Amino acid sequence: MAKKSEKSRKSPEELMEAIMKALPVRSLASVSSLAEAVGASWGTIRRYLSLMIWLQSQPGIIVEKSGSRELFKRERARKAKEAS
């Protein structure tokens, strides 16, 4: 039986989902407030946010089925956004 003081470890998928749910849409949140909402350390939230932001800047990943296998490739590089 787990002690009350022990936290259950979240999978990377659970952490990213919790971060996305905790991120406000119409306001801003600090890493500290996200860490409290998610129940993870400040460092963990900062590392995952950095990774998620970096991934959003990269070309997407395409998944194609070939029989029972999944095959992967990346999209062509995105063009830089034009300055407004």
PDB file of N, CA and C in Angstrom:
ATOM      1  N   MET A   1       0.848  -1.184   0.000  1.00  0.00           N
ATOM      2  CA  MET A   1       0.000   0.000   0.000  1.00  0.00           C
ATOM      3  C   MET A   1       0.891   1.245   0.000  1.00  0.00           C
ATOM      4  N   ALA A   2       0.586   2.203  -0.838  1.00  0.00           N
ATOM      5  CA  ALA A   2       1.390   3.421  -0.957  1.00  0.00           C
ATOM      6  C   ALA A   2       1.128   4.346   0.233  1.00  0.00           C
ATOM      7  N   LYS A   3       2.190   5.025   0.670  1.00  0.00           N
ATOM      8  CA  LYS A   3       2.051   5.990   1.749  1.00  0.00           C
ATOM      9  C   LYS A   3       1.326   7.223   1.237  1.00  0.00           C
ATOM     10  N   LYS A   4       0.651   7.940   2.128  1.00  0.00           N
ATOM     11  CA  LYS A   4      -0.075   9.156   1.739  1.00  0.00           C
ATOM     12  C   LYS A   4       0.863  10.213   1.160  1.00  0.00           C
ATOM     13  N   SER A   5       2.115  10.248   1.641  1.00  0.00           N
ATOM     14  CA  SER A   5       3.049  11.262   1.183  1.00  0.00           C
ATOM     15  C   SER A   5       3.605  10.966  -0.212  1.00  0.00           C
ATOM     16  N   GLU A   6       3.463   9.730  -0.673  1.00  0.00           N
ATOM     17  CA  GLU A   6       3.978   9.373  -1.995  1.00  0.00           C
ATOM     18  C   GLU A   6       3.009   9.843  -3.072  1.00  0.00           C
ATOM     19  N   LYS A   7       3.571  10.459  -4.098  1.00  0.00           N
ATOM     20  CA  LYS A   7       2.756  10.896  -5.229  1.00  0.00           C
ATOM     21  C   LYS A   7       2.754   9.793  -6.270  1.00  0.00           C
ATOM     22  N   SER A   8       1.630   9.616  -6.951  1.00  0.00           N
ATOM     23  CA  SER A   8       1.627   8.656  -8.040  1.00  0.00           C
ATOM     24  C   SER A   8       2.282   9.328  -9.241  1.00  0.00           C
ATOM     25  N   ARG A   9       3.134   8.603  -9.893  1.00  0.00           N
ATOM     26  CA  ARG A   9       3.881   9.141 -11.025  1.00  0.00           C
ATOM     27  C   ARG A   9       2.995   9.160 -12.261  1.00  0.00           C
ATOM     28  N   LYS A  10       2.951  10.306 -12.945  1.00  0.00           N
ATOM     29  CA  LYS A  10       2.156  10.440 -14.165  1.00  0.00           C
ATOM     30  C   LYS A  10       3.019  10.080 -15.360  1.00  0.00           C
ATOM     31  N   SER A  11       2.395   9.478 -16.351  1.00  0.00           N
ATOM     32  CA  SER A  11       3.107   9.183 -17.595  1.00  0.00           C
ATOM     33  C   SER A  11       3.338  10.489 -18.348  1.00  0.00           C
ATOM     34  N   PRO A  12       4.269  10.512 -19.296  1.00  0.00           N
ATOM     35  CA  PRO A  12       4.465  11.721 -20.098  1.00  0.00           C
ATOM     36  C   PRO A  12       3.176  12.189 -20.786  1.00  0.00           C
ATOM     37  N   GLU A  13       2.393  11.259 -21.267  1.00  0.00           N
ATOM     38  CA  GLU A  13       1.127  11.607 -21.916  1.00  0.00           C
ATOM     39  C   GLU A  13       0.163  12.264 -20.927  1.00  0.00           C
ATOM     40  N   GLU A  14       0.093  11.710 -19.718  1.00  0.00           N
ATOM     41  CA  GLU A  14      -0.782  12.281 -18.687  1.00  0.00           C
ATOM     42  C   GLU A  14      -0.323  13.676 -18.290  1.00  0.00           C
ATOM     43  N   LEU A  15       0.996  13.858 -18.180  1.00  0.00           N
ATOM     44  CA  LEU A  15       1.526  15.179 -17.834  1.00  0.00           C
ATOM     45  C   LEU A  15       1.204  16.209 -18.914  1.00  0.00           C
ATOM     46  N   MET A  16       1.429  15.855 -20.173  1.00  0.00           N
ATOM     47  CA  MET A  16       1.151  16.804 -21.255  1.00  0.00           C
ATOM     48  C   MET A  16      -0.337  17.123 -21.345  1.00  0.00           C
ATOM     49  N   GLU A  17      -1.176  16.125 -21.160  1.00  0.00           N
ATOM     50  CA  GLU A  17      -2.620  16.357 -21.170  1.00  0.00           C
ATOM     51  C   GLU A  17      -3.025  17.272 -20.016  1.00  0.00           C
ATOM     52  N   ALA A  18      -2.468  17.036 -18.841  1.00  0.00           N
ATOM     53  CA  ALA A  18      -2.792  17.865 -17.676  1.00  0.00           C
ATOM     54  C   ALA A  18      -2.317  19.299 -17.876  1.00  0.00           C
ATOM     55  N   ILE A  19      -1.137  19.472 -18.464  1.00  0.00           N
ATOM     56  CA  ILE A  19      -0.634  20.821 -18.748  1.00  0.00           C
ATOM     57  C   ILE A  19      -1.557  21.531 -19.726  1.00  0.00           C
ATOM     58  N   MET A  20      -1.943  20.855 -20.787  1.00  0.00           N
ATOM     59  CA  MET A  20      -2.829  21.479 -21.784  1.00  0.00           C
ATOM     60  C   MET A  20      -4.169  21.869 -21.161  1.00  0.00           C
ATOM     61  N   LYS A  21      -4.707  21.020 -20.304  1.00  0.00           N
ATOM     62  CA  LYS A  21      -5.986  21.341 -19.643  1.00  0.00           C
ATOM     63  C   LYS A  21      -5.831  22.511 -18.681  1.00  0.00           C
ATOM     64  N   ALA A  22      -4.659  22.635 -18.052  1.00  0.00           N
ATOM     65  CA  ALA A  22      -4.441  23.695 -17.066  1.00  0.00           C
ATOM     66  C   ALA A  22      -4.104  25.039 -17.707  1.00  0.00           C
ATOM     67  N   LEU A  23      -3.653  25.026 -18.960  1.00  0.00           N
ATOM     68  CA  LEU A  23      -3.301  26.285 -19.619  1.00  0.00           C
ATOM     69  C   LEU A  23      -4.554  27.106 -19.898  1.00  0.00           C
ATOM     70  N   PRO A  24      -4.582  28.356 -19.453  1.00  0.00           N
ATOM     71  CA  PRO A  24      -5.747  29.197 -19.728  1.00  0.00           C
ATOM     72  C   PRO A  24      -5.771  29.624 -21.191  1.00  0.00           C
ATOM     73  N   VAL A  25      -6.962  29.958 -21.677  1.00  0.00           N
ATOM     74  CA  VAL A  25      -7.128  30.386 -23.059  1.00  0.00           C
ATOM     75  C   VAL A  25      -7.107  31.903 -23.163  1.00  0.00           C
ATOM     76  N   ARG A  26      -7.709  32.583 -22.223  1.00  0.00           N
ATOM     77  CA  ARG A  26      -7.861  34.038 -22.311  1.00  0.00           C
ATOM     78  C   ARG A  26      -6.974  34.825 -21.356  1.00  0.00           C
ATOM     79  N   SER A  27      -6.125  34.129 -20.639  1.00  0.00           N
ATOM     80  CA  SER A  27      -5.213  34.813 -19.720  1.00  0.00           C
ATOM     81  C   SER A  27      -3.874  34.077 -19.762  1.00  0.00           C
ATOM     82  N   LEU A  28      -2.978  34.445 -18.887  1.00  0.00           N
ATOM     83  CA  LEU A  28      -1.659  33.829 -18.832  1.00  0.00           C
ATOM     84  C   LEU A  28      -1.481  33.105 -17.506  1.00  0.00           C
ATOM     85  N   ALA A  29      -0.598  32.117 -17.500  1.00  0.00           N
ATOM     86  CA  ALA A  29      -0.324  31.366 -16.271  1.00  0.00           C
ATOM     87  C   ALA A  29       1.183  31.238 -16.095  1.00  0.00           C
ATOM     88  N   SER A  30       1.636  31.280 -14.864  1.00  0.00           N
ATOM     89  CA  SER A  30       3.052  31.082 -14.570  1.00  0.00           C
ATOM     90  C   SER A  30       3.342  29.583 -14.483  1.00  0.00           C
ATOM     91  N   VAL A  31       4.611  29.256 -14.590  1.00  0.00           N
ATOM     92  CA  VAL A  31       5.019  27.858 -14.427  1.00  0.00           C
ATOM     93  C   VAL A  31       4.621  27.374 -13.038  1.00  0.00           C
ATOM     94  N   SER A  32       4.770  28.243 -12.032  1.00  0.00           N
ATOM     95  CA  SER A  32       4.411  27.861 -10.665  1.00  0.00           C
ATOM     96  C   SER A  32       2.932  27.517 -10.539  1.00  0.00           C
ATOM     97  N   SER A  33       2.067  28.332 -11.147  1.00  0.00           N
ATOM     98  CA  SER A  33       0.629  28.059 -11.045  1.00  0.00           C
ATOM     99  C   SER A  33       0.254  26.797 -11.819  1.00  0.00           C
ATOM    100  N   LEU A  34       0.929  26.559 -12.947  1.00  0.00           N
ATOM    101  CA  LEU A  34       0.671  25.323 -13.695  1.00  0.00           C
ATOM    102  C   LEU A  34       1.144  24.112 -12.900  1.00  0.00           C
ATOM    103  N   ALA A  35       2.311  24.239 -12.249  1.00  0.00           N
ATOM    104  CA  ALA A  35       2.834  23.132 -11.447  1.00  0.00           C
ATOM    105  C   ALA A  35       1.861  22.770 -10.332  1.00  0.00           C
ATOM    106  N   GLU A  36       1.300  23.790  -9.697  1.00  0.00           N
ATOM    107  CA  GLU A  36       0.326  23.545  -8.626  1.00  0.00           C
ATOM    108  C   GLU A  36      -0.935  22.879  -9.172  1.00  0.00           C
ATOM    109  N   ALA A  37      -1.431  23.371 -10.310  1.00  0.00           N
ATOM    110  CA  ALA A  37      -2.654  22.819 -10.902  1.00  0.00           C
ATOM    111  C   ALA A  37      -2.462  21.380 -11.366  1.00  0.00           C
ATOM    112  N   VAL A  38      -1.285  21.075 -11.898  1.00  0.00           N
ATOM    113  CA  VAL A  38      -1.009  19.736 -12.442  1.00  0.00           C
ATOM    114  C   VAL A  38      -0.569  18.771 -11.345  1.00  0.00           C
ATOM    115  N   GLY A  39       0.037  19.307 -10.288  1.00  0.00           N
ATOM    116  CA  GLY A  39       0.539  18.442  -9.221  1.00  0.00           C
ATOM    117  C   GLY A  39       1.912  17.883  -9.549  1.00  0.00           C
ATOM    118  N   ALA A  40       2.727  18.706 -10.222  1.00  0.00           N
ATOM    119  CA  ALA A  40       4.090  18.295 -10.573  1.00  0.00           C
ATOM    120  C   ALA A  40       5.041  19.410 -10.155  1.00  0.00           C
ATOM    121  N   SER A  41       6.326  19.133 -10.185  1.00  0.00           N
ATOM    122  CA  SER A  41       7.306  20.135  -9.773  1.00  0.00           C
ATOM    123  C   SER A  41       7.452  21.222 -10.831  1.00  0.00           C
ATOM    124  N   TRP A  42       7.976  22.363 -10.390  1.00  0.00           N
ATOM    125  CA  TRP A  42       8.220  23.489 -11.282  1.00  0.00           C
ATOM    126  C   TRP A  42       9.134  23.060 -12.427  1.00  0.00           C
ATOM    127  N   GLY A  43      10.217  22.343 -12.101  1.00  0.00           N
ATOM    128  CA  GLY A  43      11.184  21.906 -13.111  1.00  0.00           C
ATOM    129  C   GLY A  43      10.579  20.976 -14.140  1.00  0.00           C
ATOM    130  N   THR A  44       9.724  20.068 -13.687  1.00  0.00           N
ATOM    131  CA  THR A  44       9.066  19.140 -14.609  1.00  0.00           C
ATOM    132  C   THR A  44       8.165  19.896 -15.570  1.00  0.00           C
ATOM    133  N   ILE A  45       7.370  20.817 -15.050  1.00  0.00           N
ATOM    134  CA  ILE A  45       6.462  21.593 -15.909  1.00  0.00           C
ATOM    135  C   ILE A  45       7.269  22.420 -16.898  1.00  0.00           C
ATOM    136  N   ARG A  46       8.348  23.056 -16.460  1.00  0.00           N
ATOM    137  CA  ARG A  46       9.169  23.885 -17.352  1.00  0.00           C
ATOM    138  C   ARG A  46       9.775  23.047 -18.466  1.00  0.00           C
ATOM    139  N   ARG A  47      10.291  21.861 -18.134  1.00  0.00           N
ATOM    140  CA  ARG A  47      10.876  20.978 -19.157  1.00  0.00           C
ATOM    141  C   ARG A  47       9.826  20.545 -20.171  1.00  0.00           C
ATOM    142  N   TYR A  48       8.647  20.164 -19.687  1.00  0.00           N
ATOM    143  CA  TYR A  48       7.598  19.725 -20.608  1.00  0.00           C
ATOM    144  C   TYR A  48       7.086  20.878 -21.462  1.00  0.00           C
ATOM    145  N   LEU A  49       6.932  22.064 -20.888  1.00  0.00           N
ATOM    146  CA  LEU A  49       6.511  23.223 -21.681  1.00  0.00           C
ATOM    147  C   LEU A  49       7.532  23.534 -22.769  1.00  0.00           C
ATOM    148  N   SER A  50       8.812  23.501 -22.427  1.00  0.00           N
ATOM    149  CA  SER A  50       9.862  23.755 -23.419  1.00  0.00           C
ATOM    150  C   SER A  50       9.795  22.741 -24.556  1.00  0.00           C
ATOM    151  N   LEU A  51       9.615  21.481 -24.204  1.00  0.00           N
ATOM    152  CA  LEU A  51       9.507  20.429 -25.214  1.00  0.00           C
ATOM    153  C   LEU A  51       8.273  20.633 -26.084  1.00  0.00           C
ATOM    154  N   MET A  52       7.126  20.929 -25.467  1.00  0.00           N
ATOM    155  CA  MET A  52       5.880  21.111 -26.210  1.00  0.00           C
ATOM    156  C   MET A  52       5.971  22.309 -27.158  1.00  0.00           C
ATOM    157  N   ILE A  53       6.584  23.397 -26.697  1.00  0.00           N
ATOM    158  CA  ILE A  53       6.754  24.588 -27.542  1.00  0.00           C
ATOM    159  C   ILE A  53       7.672  24.262 -28.716  1.00  0.00           C
ATOM    160  N   TRP A  54       8.757  23.561 -28.451  1.00  0.00           N
ATOM    161  CA  TRP A  54       9.680  23.182 -29.526  1.00  0.00           C
ATOM    162  C   TRP A  54       8.976  22.289 -30.546  1.00  0.00           C
ATOM    163  N   LEU A  55       8.220  21.303 -30.067  1.00  0.00           N
ATOM    164  CA  LEU A  55       7.510  20.402 -30.989  1.00  0.00           C
ATOM    165  C   LEU A  55       6.532  21.160 -31.888  1.00  0.00           C
ATOM    166  N   GLN A  56       5.863  22.165 -31.335  1.00  0.00           N
ATOM    167  CA  GLN A  56       4.918  22.944 -32.131  1.00  0.00           C
ATOM    168  C   GLN A  56       5.607  23.718 -33.241  1.00  0.00           C
ATOM    169  N   SER A  57       6.889  24.000 -33.088  1.00  0.00           N
ATOM    170  CA  SER A  57       7.612  24.767 -34.097  1.00  0.00           C
ATOM    171  C   SER A  57       8.182  23.881 -35.211  1.00  0.00           C
ATOM    172  N   GLN A  58       8.085  22.575 -35.047  1.00  0.00           N
ATOM    173  CA  GLN A  58       8.668  21.630 -35.997  1.00  0.00           C
ATOM    174  C   GLN A  58       7.627  21.164 -37.014  1.00  0.00           C
ATOM    175  N   PRO A  59       8.103  20.643 -38.161  1.00  0.00           N
ATOM    176  CA  PRO A  59       7.158  20.049 -39.102  1.00  0.00           C
ATOM    177  C   PRO A  59       6.403  18.900 -38.423  1.00  0.00           C
ATOM    178  N   GLY A  60       5.197  18.658 -38.869  1.00  0.00           N
ATOM    179  CA  GLY A  60       4.387  17.597 -38.287  1.00  0.00           C
ATOM    180  C   GLY A  60       4.899  16.212 -38.650  1.00  0.00           C
ATOM    181  N   ILE A  61       4.401  15.236 -37.961  1.00  0.00           N
ATOM    182  CA  ILE A  61       4.730  13.840 -38.230  1.00  0.00           C
ATOM    183  C   ILE A  61       3.519  13.200 -38.902  1.00  0.00           C
ATOM    184  N   ILE A  62       3.769  12.517 -39.985  1.00  0.00           N
ATOM    185  CA  ILE A  62       2.703  11.837 -40.729  1.00  0.00           C
ATOM    186  C   ILE A  62       2.793  10.348 -40.425  1.00  0.00           C
ATOM    187  N   VAL A  63       1.650   9.752 -40.092  1.00  0.00           N
ATOM    188  CA  VAL A  63       1.584   8.318 -39.805  1.00  0.00           C
ATOM    189  C   VAL A  63       0.749   7.673 -40.900  1.00  0.00           C
ATOM    190  N   GLU A  64       1.307   6.646 -41.522  1.00  0.00           N
ATOM    191  CA  GLU A  64       0.575   5.912 -42.550  1.00  0.00           C
ATOM    192  C   GLU A  64       0.553   4.438 -42.175  1.00  0.00           C
ATOM    193  N   LYS A  65      -0.578   3.805 -42.441  1.00  0.00           N
ATOM    194  CA  LYS A  65      -0.725   2.378 -42.171  1.00  0.00           C
ATOM    195  C   LYS A  65      -0.271   1.589 -43.395  1.00  0.00           C
ATOM    196  N   SER A  66       0.453   0.517 -43.164  1.00  0.00           N
ATOM    197  CA  SER A  66       0.856  -0.414 -44.219  1.00  0.00           C
ATOM    198  C   SER A  66       0.597  -1.804 -43.667  1.00  0.00           C
ATOM    199  N   GLY A  67      -0.570  -2.330 -43.977  1.00  0.00           N
ATOM    200  CA  GLY A  67      -0.969  -3.603 -43.384  1.00  0.00           C
ATOM    201  C   GLY A  67      -1.175  -3.405 -41.898  1.00  0.00           C
ATOM    202  N   SER A  68      -0.470  -4.157 -41.086  1.00  0.00           N
ATOM    203  CA  SER A  68      -0.602  -4.029 -39.636  1.00  0.00           C
ATOM    204  C   SER A  68       0.471  -3.101 -39.050  1.00  0.00           C
ATOM    205  N   ARG A  69       1.348  -2.570 -39.921  1.00  0.00           N
ATOM    206  CA  ARG A  69       2.422  -1.696 -39.441  1.00  0.00           C
ATOM    207  C   ARG A  69       2.047  -0.230 -39.584  1.00  0.00           C
ATOM    208  N   GLU A  70       2.624   0.586 -38.726  1.00  0.00           N
ATOM    209  CA  GLU A  70       2.528   2.031 -38.856  1.00  0.00           C
ATOM    210  C   GLU A  70       3.887   2.533 -39.330  1.00  0.00           C
ATOM    211  N   LEU A  71       3.863   3.372 -40.366  1.00  0.00           N
ATOM    212  CA  LEU A  71       5.089   3.962 -40.893  1.00  0.00           C
ATOM    213  C   LEU A  71       5.023   5.464 -40.685  1.00  0.00           C
ATOM    214  N   PHE A  72       6.186   6.082 -40.473  1.00  0.00           N
ATOM    215  CA  PHE A  72       6.234   7.494 -40.100  1.00  0.00           C
ATOM    216  C   PHE A  72       7.135   8.282 -41.030  1.00  0.00           C
ATOM    217  N   LYS A  73       6.758   9.524 -41.263  1.00  0.00           N
ATOM    218  CA  LYS A  73       7.622  10.471 -41.962  1.00  0.00           C
ATOM    219  C   LYS A  73       7.249  11.857 -41.470  1.00  0.00           C
ATOM    220  N   ARG A  74       8.094  12.821 -41.787  1.00  0.00           N
ATOM    221  CA  ARG A  74       7.781  14.176 -41.357  1.00  0.00           C
ATOM    222  C   ARG A  74       7.287  14.985 -42.548  1.00  0.00           C
ATOM    223  N   GLU A  75       6.516  15.998 -42.234  1.00  0.00           N
ATOM    224  CA  GLU A  75       6.052  16.919 -43.263  1.00  0.00           C
ATOM    225  C   GLU A  75       7.241  17.715 -43.772  1.00  0.00           C
ATOM    226  N   ARG A  76       7.057  18.326 -44.930  1.00  0.00           N
ATOM    227  CA  ARG A  76       8.090  19.236 -45.416  1.00  0.00           C
ATOM    228  C   ARG A  76       8.219  20.392 -44.450  1.00  0.00           C
ATOM    229  N   ALA A  77       9.382  21.007 -44.423  1.00  0.00           N
ATOM    230  CA  ALA A  77       9.631  22.124 -43.508  1.00  0.00           C
ATOM    231  C   ALA A  77       8.609  23.228 -43.745  1.00  0.00           C
ATOM    232  N   ARG A  78       8.156  23.825 -42.659  1.00  0.00           N
ATOM    233  CA  ARG A  78       7.219  24.937 -42.742  1.00  0.00           C
ATOM    234  C   ARG A  78       7.942  26.196 -43.156  1.00  0.00           C
ATOM    235  N   LYS A  79       7.268  27.018 -43.944  1.00  0.00           N
ATOM    236  CA  LYS A  79       7.852  28.292 -44.338  1.00  0.00           C
ATOM    237  C   LYS A  79       7.745  29.245 -43.164  1.00  0.00           C
ATOM    238  N   ALA A  80       8.734  30.105 -43.023  1.00  0.00           N
ATOM    239  CA  ALA A  80       8.696  31.106 -41.948  1.00  0.00           C
ATOM    240  C   ALA A  80       7.509  32.029 -42.145  1.00  0.00           C
ATOM    241  N   LYS A  81       6.849  32.392 -41.054  1.00  0.00           N
ATOM    242  CA  LYS A  81       5.700  33.298 -41.124  1.00  0.00           C
ATOM    243  C   LYS A  81       6.179  34.674 -41.553  1.00  0.00           C
ATOM    244  N   GLU A  82       5.400  35.286 -42.423  1.00  0.00           N
ATOM    245  CA  GLU A  82       5.752  36.627 -42.882  1.00  0.00           C
ATOM    246  C   GLU A  82       5.442  37.633 -41.779  1.00  0.00           C
ATOM    247  N   ALA A  83       6.287  38.618 -41.640  1.00  0.00           N
ATOM    248  CA  ALA A  83       6.062  39.678 -40.639  1.00  0.00           C
ATOM    249  C   ALA A  83       4.889  40.524 -41.058  1.00  0.00           C
ATOM    250  N   SER A  84       4.045  40.864 -40.120  1.00  0.00           N
ATOM    251  CA  SER A  84       2.862  41.677 -40.431  1.00  0.00           C
ATOM    252  C   SER A  84       3.181  43.140 -40.304  1.00  0.00           C
TER     253      SER A  84
END
